[in-house]
Protein backbone atom coordinates (compact mmCIF):
# COMPACT_ATOMS: atom_id res chain seq x y z
CA MET A 1 49.44 -2.94 84.43
CA LEU A 2 52.55 -2.12 82.39
CA VAL A 3 55.76 -0.68 83.87
CA ARG A 4 58.23 0.77 81.37
CA GLU A 5 61.20 3.10 81.23
CA ALA A 6 60.20 6.76 81.06
CA THR A 7 61.39 9.10 78.34
CA ALA A 8 61.35 12.86 77.80
CA ALA A 9 57.97 12.39 76.11
CA ASP A 10 56.51 11.34 79.50
CA VAL A 11 57.44 14.52 81.40
CA ALA A 12 53.99 16.11 80.99
CA ALA A 13 52.18 12.91 82.03
CA ILE A 14 54.46 12.56 85.06
CA ALA A 15 53.55 16.13 86.06
CA VAL A 16 49.84 15.26 85.87
CA VAL A 17 50.34 12.31 88.23
CA ALA A 18 52.47 14.43 90.59
CA VAL A 19 49.84 17.17 90.80
CA ALA A 20 47.08 14.59 91.38
CA ALA A 21 49.18 13.20 94.26
CA GLY A 22 49.59 16.67 95.77
CA GLU A 23 53.16 17.28 94.56
CA THR A 24 52.92 20.72 93.00
CA GLY A 25 56.06 22.57 94.05
CA GLU A 26 59.41 23.26 92.50
CA TRP A 27 61.79 20.26 92.57
CA THR A 28 58.97 17.71 92.49
CA GLY A 29 57.57 15.52 89.74
CA ALA A 30 55.66 18.58 88.54
CA ASP A 31 58.96 20.35 87.75
CA PRO A 32 60.43 19.46 84.32
CA ALA A 33 63.94 20.44 85.47
CA TYR A 34 63.81 17.93 88.34
CA VAL A 35 62.40 15.13 86.19
CA GLY A 36 64.96 15.93 83.49
CA HIS A 37 67.77 15.57 86.01
CA LEU A 38 66.48 12.16 87.05
CA LEU A 39 66.12 11.06 83.45
CA SER A 40 69.75 12.05 82.81
CA HIS A 41 71.38 10.79 86.00
CA GLY A 42 69.01 8.25 87.49
CA ARG A 43 66.26 5.90 86.40
CA VAL A 44 62.62 6.83 85.90
CA VAL A 45 59.78 4.42 85.17
CA VAL A 46 56.08 4.94 84.59
CA ALA A 47 53.13 2.65 85.23
CA GLU A 48 50.48 2.48 82.56
CA HIS A 49 46.92 1.18 82.85
CA ARG A 50 44.98 0.82 79.61
CA GLY A 51 47.49 3.02 77.85
CA GLU A 52 47.35 5.89 80.38
CA VAL A 53 50.25 6.86 82.68
CA THR A 54 48.91 6.40 86.21
CA GLY A 55 52.13 6.42 88.24
CA PHE A 56 55.85 7.14 88.19
CA GLY A 57 58.89 6.20 90.22
CA ALA A 58 62.54 7.23 90.17
CA THR A 59 65.83 6.16 91.69
CA ARG A 60 69.24 7.81 91.78
CA PRO A 61 72.35 5.74 92.51
CA ILE A 62 74.57 7.20 95.22
CA GLY A 63 78.07 5.90 94.64
CA ARG A 64 79.29 3.39 92.11
CA GLY A 65 79.75 -0.35 91.78
CA PRO A 66 78.70 -2.84 94.46
CA ALA A 67 78.80 -0.13 97.14
CA ALA A 68 76.22 2.06 95.36
CA VAL A 69 72.98 2.74 97.22
CA GLY A 70 69.73 2.86 95.28
CA MET A 71 68.05 6.04 96.54
CA LEU A 72 64.32 6.02 95.81
CA CYS A 73 63.59 9.64 94.93
CA ASP A 74 59.90 9.39 94.03
CA LEU A 75 57.06 6.89 93.94
CA PHE A 76 53.63 8.31 93.21
CA VAL A 77 50.40 6.89 91.85
CA ASP A 78 47.35 8.86 90.78
CA PRO A 79 44.88 8.45 93.67
CA ARG A 80 42.24 7.31 91.20
CA SER A 81 44.46 4.28 90.44
CA HIS A 82 45.31 3.24 93.98
CA GLY A 83 44.88 -0.44 94.78
CA ARG A 84 46.03 -1.79 91.43
CA GLY A 85 49.56 -2.66 92.55
CA ALA A 86 51.33 0.03 90.54
CA GLY A 87 53.64 1.11 93.37
CA ARG A 88 54.89 -2.41 94.06
CA ALA A 89 55.27 -3.13 90.36
CA MET A 90 57.44 -0.04 89.86
CA LEU A 91 59.61 -0.86 92.89
CA ASP A 92 60.12 -4.40 91.57
CA VAL A 93 61.69 -2.82 88.48
CA LEU A 94 63.57 0.06 90.12
CA TRP A 95 65.16 -1.95 92.94
CA HIS A 96 65.61 -5.25 91.10
CA ASP A 97 69.40 -4.85 90.84
CA ALA A 98 69.90 -2.62 93.90
CA PRO A 99 70.09 -4.64 97.13
CA ARG A 100 71.40 -1.59 99.04
CA ARG A 101 68.31 0.61 99.27
CA MET A 102 67.14 3.76 101.00
CA THR A 103 64.45 6.41 100.76
CA PHE A 104 62.66 9.13 102.70
CA SER A 105 59.18 7.79 103.17
CA SER A 106 56.10 9.92 103.62
CA LEU A 107 53.77 9.13 106.52
CA HIS A 108 51.14 7.78 104.13
CA ALA A 109 49.57 4.66 105.64
CA HIS A 110 50.57 2.48 102.69
CA ALA A 111 54.21 3.61 102.50
CA LEU A 112 55.75 1.89 105.53
CA PRO A 113 54.34 -1.60 104.82
CA LEU A 114 55.39 -1.35 101.17
CA TYR A 115 58.98 -0.31 101.87
CA THR A 116 59.49 -2.80 104.69
CA SER A 117 58.39 -5.56 102.32
CA PHE A 118 61.41 -4.60 100.20
CA GLY A 119 63.80 -5.04 103.15
CA LEU A 120 63.95 -1.45 104.47
CA ASP A 121 63.48 -0.41 108.09
CA ALA A 122 62.59 2.99 109.51
CA TRP A 123 65.50 4.52 111.46
CA TRP A 124 64.79 8.18 112.25
CA PRO A 125 62.57 11.11 111.21
CA LEU A 126 63.73 13.77 108.77
CA LEU A 127 62.46 17.08 110.16
CA TYR A 128 61.40 19.94 107.87
CA LEU A 129 62.48 22.88 110.02
CA ALA A 130 61.57 26.42 109.05
CA GLY A 131 62.21 29.73 110.73
CA ASP A 132 63.70 33.20 110.66
CA VAL A 133 67.39 33.32 109.76
CA ARG A 134 67.63 36.69 111.50
CA ALA A 135 67.24 34.84 114.81
CA LEU A 136 70.56 33.09 114.18
CA ARG A 137 74.14 34.25 114.63
CA ALA A 138 77.11 32.62 112.94
CA PRO A 139 79.36 30.95 115.54
CA ALA A 140 82.64 32.72 116.21
CA GLY A 141 85.33 32.16 113.60
CA TRP A 142 82.98 30.87 110.90
CA SER A 143 82.42 32.35 107.44
CA VAL A 144 80.40 31.20 104.44
CA SER A 145 81.34 31.95 100.84
CA THR A 146 79.83 31.26 97.44
CA ALA A 147 81.73 28.61 95.48
CA ASP A 148 81.66 26.79 92.19
CA PRO A 149 79.52 23.60 92.26
CA GLY A 150 82.57 21.65 91.13
CA GLU A 151 84.58 22.87 94.12
CA VAL A 152 81.81 21.85 96.50
CA ALA A 153 81.47 18.44 94.84
CA ALA A 154 85.24 17.89 95.07
CA LEU A 155 85.19 18.59 98.81
CA GLU A 156 82.28 16.22 99.35
CA GLU A 157 83.98 13.51 97.31
CA ARG A 158 87.15 13.95 99.38
CA TRP A 159 85.14 13.51 102.58
CA THR A 160 82.77 10.73 101.49
CA GLY A 161 84.30 9.09 98.42
CA VAL A 162 81.09 9.76 96.45
CA ASP A 163 80.93 12.01 93.39
CA ARG A 164 77.84 14.27 93.65
CA SER A 165 78.97 16.81 91.03
CA ALA A 166 75.94 16.33 88.75
CA ASP A 167 73.58 16.82 91.70
CA HIS A 168 75.38 19.95 92.93
CA ARG A 169 75.14 21.46 89.45
CA ALA A 170 71.42 20.67 89.39
CA TRP A 171 70.82 22.09 92.88
CA ALA A 172 72.73 25.27 92.00
CA ALA A 173 70.56 25.69 88.88
CA ARG A 174 67.39 25.80 90.99
CA PRO A 175 65.78 29.16 91.84
CA SER A 176 68.13 31.20 94.05
CA GLY A 177 70.61 28.34 93.89
CA ARG A 178 74.30 28.67 94.75
CA ALA A 179 77.01 26.38 96.01
CA VAL A 180 78.58 27.37 99.35
CA VAL A 181 81.57 26.47 101.51
CA ALA A 182 81.58 27.02 105.27
CA ASP A 183 84.98 27.44 106.88
CA ARG A 184 86.37 28.08 110.32
CA ALA A 185 89.68 29.85 110.66
CA GLY A 186 90.30 29.34 106.95
CA GLU A 187 89.63 25.58 106.93
CA ALA A 188 86.73 24.29 104.82
CA LEU A 189 84.60 22.18 107.15
CA ALA A 190 81.29 21.93 105.28
CA ALA A 191 80.16 22.26 101.68
CA GLY A 192 76.80 22.18 99.96
CA THR A 193 74.17 24.09 98.06
CA VAL A 194 71.42 26.50 99.08
CA ALA A 195 68.40 26.80 96.79
CA GLY A 196 64.64 26.71 96.52
CA ALA A 197 61.59 28.73 95.58
CA GLY A 198 59.54 30.69 98.10
CA PRO A 199 59.11 29.03 101.51
CA GLU A 200 61.24 26.05 100.39
CA TYR A 201 64.37 28.20 100.08
CA GLY A 202 67.19 27.05 102.32
CA ILE A 203 69.86 24.37 102.50
CA ALA A 204 69.28 21.87 99.71
CA HIS A 205 72.19 19.63 100.74
CA LEU A 206 75.18 20.08 103.04
CA MET A 207 77.96 17.71 104.06
CA SER A 208 80.40 18.22 106.90
CA ALA A 209 84.03 17.16 106.70
CA SER A 210 84.76 13.54 107.53
CA HIS A 211 86.77 14.57 110.61
CA ALA A 212 84.11 16.99 111.85
CA GLY A 213 82.69 16.33 115.28
CA GLU A 214 79.13 17.02 116.36
CA ASP A 215 79.90 20.59 117.46
CA THR A 216 81.45 21.36 114.07
CA ALA A 217 78.51 19.84 112.16
CA ARG A 218 76.11 21.91 114.28
CA ASP A 219 78.02 25.15 113.82
CA ALA A 220 78.30 24.62 110.05
CA VAL A 221 74.52 24.41 109.66
CA ILE A 222 73.94 27.48 111.83
CA ALA A 223 76.63 29.44 109.96
CA VAL A 224 75.15 28.66 106.54
CA LEU A 225 71.59 29.50 107.61
CA ALA A 226 72.74 32.72 109.30
CA SER A 227 74.44 33.77 106.06
CA LEU A 228 71.19 33.67 104.06
CA ASP A 229 69.11 36.73 103.26
CA PRO A 230 65.74 35.49 101.97
CA PRO A 231 62.72 37.78 101.56
CA GLY A 232 61.03 38.06 104.94
CA GLY A 233 63.94 36.25 106.56
CA ARG A 234 62.31 32.82 106.38
CA ALA A 235 64.23 29.71 105.28
CA GLN A 236 64.04 25.92 105.54
CA VAL A 237 66.40 23.05 106.30
CA CYS A 238 65.69 19.32 106.40
CA LEU A 239 67.60 17.76 109.28
CA PRO A 240 67.80 14.23 110.64
CA ALA A 241 66.18 14.31 114.07
CA PRO A 242 69.45 13.31 115.82
CA HIS A 243 71.46 16.08 114.09
CA PRO A 244 73.16 18.38 116.64
CA ALA A 245 71.76 21.51 114.94
CA VAL A 246 68.15 20.58 115.73
CA ARG A 247 68.19 21.76 119.35
CA PRO A 248 69.67 25.24 118.75
CA LEU A 249 67.29 25.84 115.84
CA LEU A 250 64.26 24.92 117.95
CA ALA A 251 65.60 27.12 120.75
CA ALA A 252 65.82 30.00 118.25
CA GLY A 253 62.13 29.67 117.40
CA TRP A 254 62.36 27.44 114.34
CA ARG A 255 59.55 24.91 114.05
CA ASN A 256 58.99 21.53 112.48
CA ASP A 257 56.42 21.82 109.67
CA SER A 258 56.37 18.15 108.64
CA MET A 259 58.54 15.04 108.56
CA ASP A 260 59.50 12.00 106.54
CA LEU A 261 61.02 8.73 107.71
CA PHE A 262 64.54 7.68 106.74
CA MET A 263 64.24 4.07 105.63
CA ALA A 264 67.12 1.88 104.52
CA THR A 265 68.38 -1.66 104.40
CA ASP A 266 71.34 -0.40 106.47
CA PRO A 267 71.23 2.76 108.65
CA ALA A 268 74.94 3.41 107.96
CA PHE A 269 74.09 4.64 104.44
CA LEU A 270 73.51 8.14 105.87
CA ASP A 271 75.17 9.73 108.89
CA PRO A 272 72.44 11.61 110.80
CA LEU A 273 75.02 13.60 112.79
CA ARG A 274 76.90 15.09 109.81
CA ALA A 275 74.63 15.03 106.76
CA VAL A 276 72.00 17.56 105.77
CA PRO A 277 70.33 15.52 103.04
CA SER A 278 68.09 16.42 100.15
CA PRO A 279 64.77 14.62 100.72
CA ALA A 280 64.65 13.89 96.98
CA LEU A 281 68.28 12.98 96.26
CA ALA A 282 69.82 12.59 99.77
């Protein structure tokens, strides 16, 4: 088993592994734009067995310096190569210099034991909620406008201290992608990006202002979703289970299609009451 740094020449082989693992959609390992973003702004490795790429993994640092968190974006092995230790070998490389770690784990039976062996614990589910935006009404006083990705990134950096400008540009470049700002009475209280192909269209990432309470974080999510006009009215949002927008969405007929587990060496890396994270990039 050989683990090495991936290059642009590995994009096609990574897509083959992703498809074999069931990852076939836009913004997965099967999407060259997504893999290209990780190659440019994160770290991607591949596992080789007898000269053939049989797995890939990727991390994206969130923040800089000692406070940076190593977000595991992907870890997939061709099912035909399971049991050879490729996943652990790739994590040994990817997380070697990143003691502050987090990821959204699938419910695969092997995932939880592997990640806990690297010091992570499971803290809460990330719900994949989908429903009809026409069942929602923007709360009184709220409006949502299209913005430049740089403006959205500047707001998020002001609220969190983390520069996500490269990610916001990448999210906005996805199908139907656009950066948005949600304000109440003229004050920007949430900023993010909506994007996605087909049934995955919805909020890709949204952050509420640092001084926003739970009611504000809830209303921001509802306002952004209510502002969308997808074909057939259907959209998606991935919400931490404790997020205050979960209850009103379920009450409006939205349903949970699937879930991941937020795992981290410290639960404080992500605020489940304010953040609407990207499952891939958080």
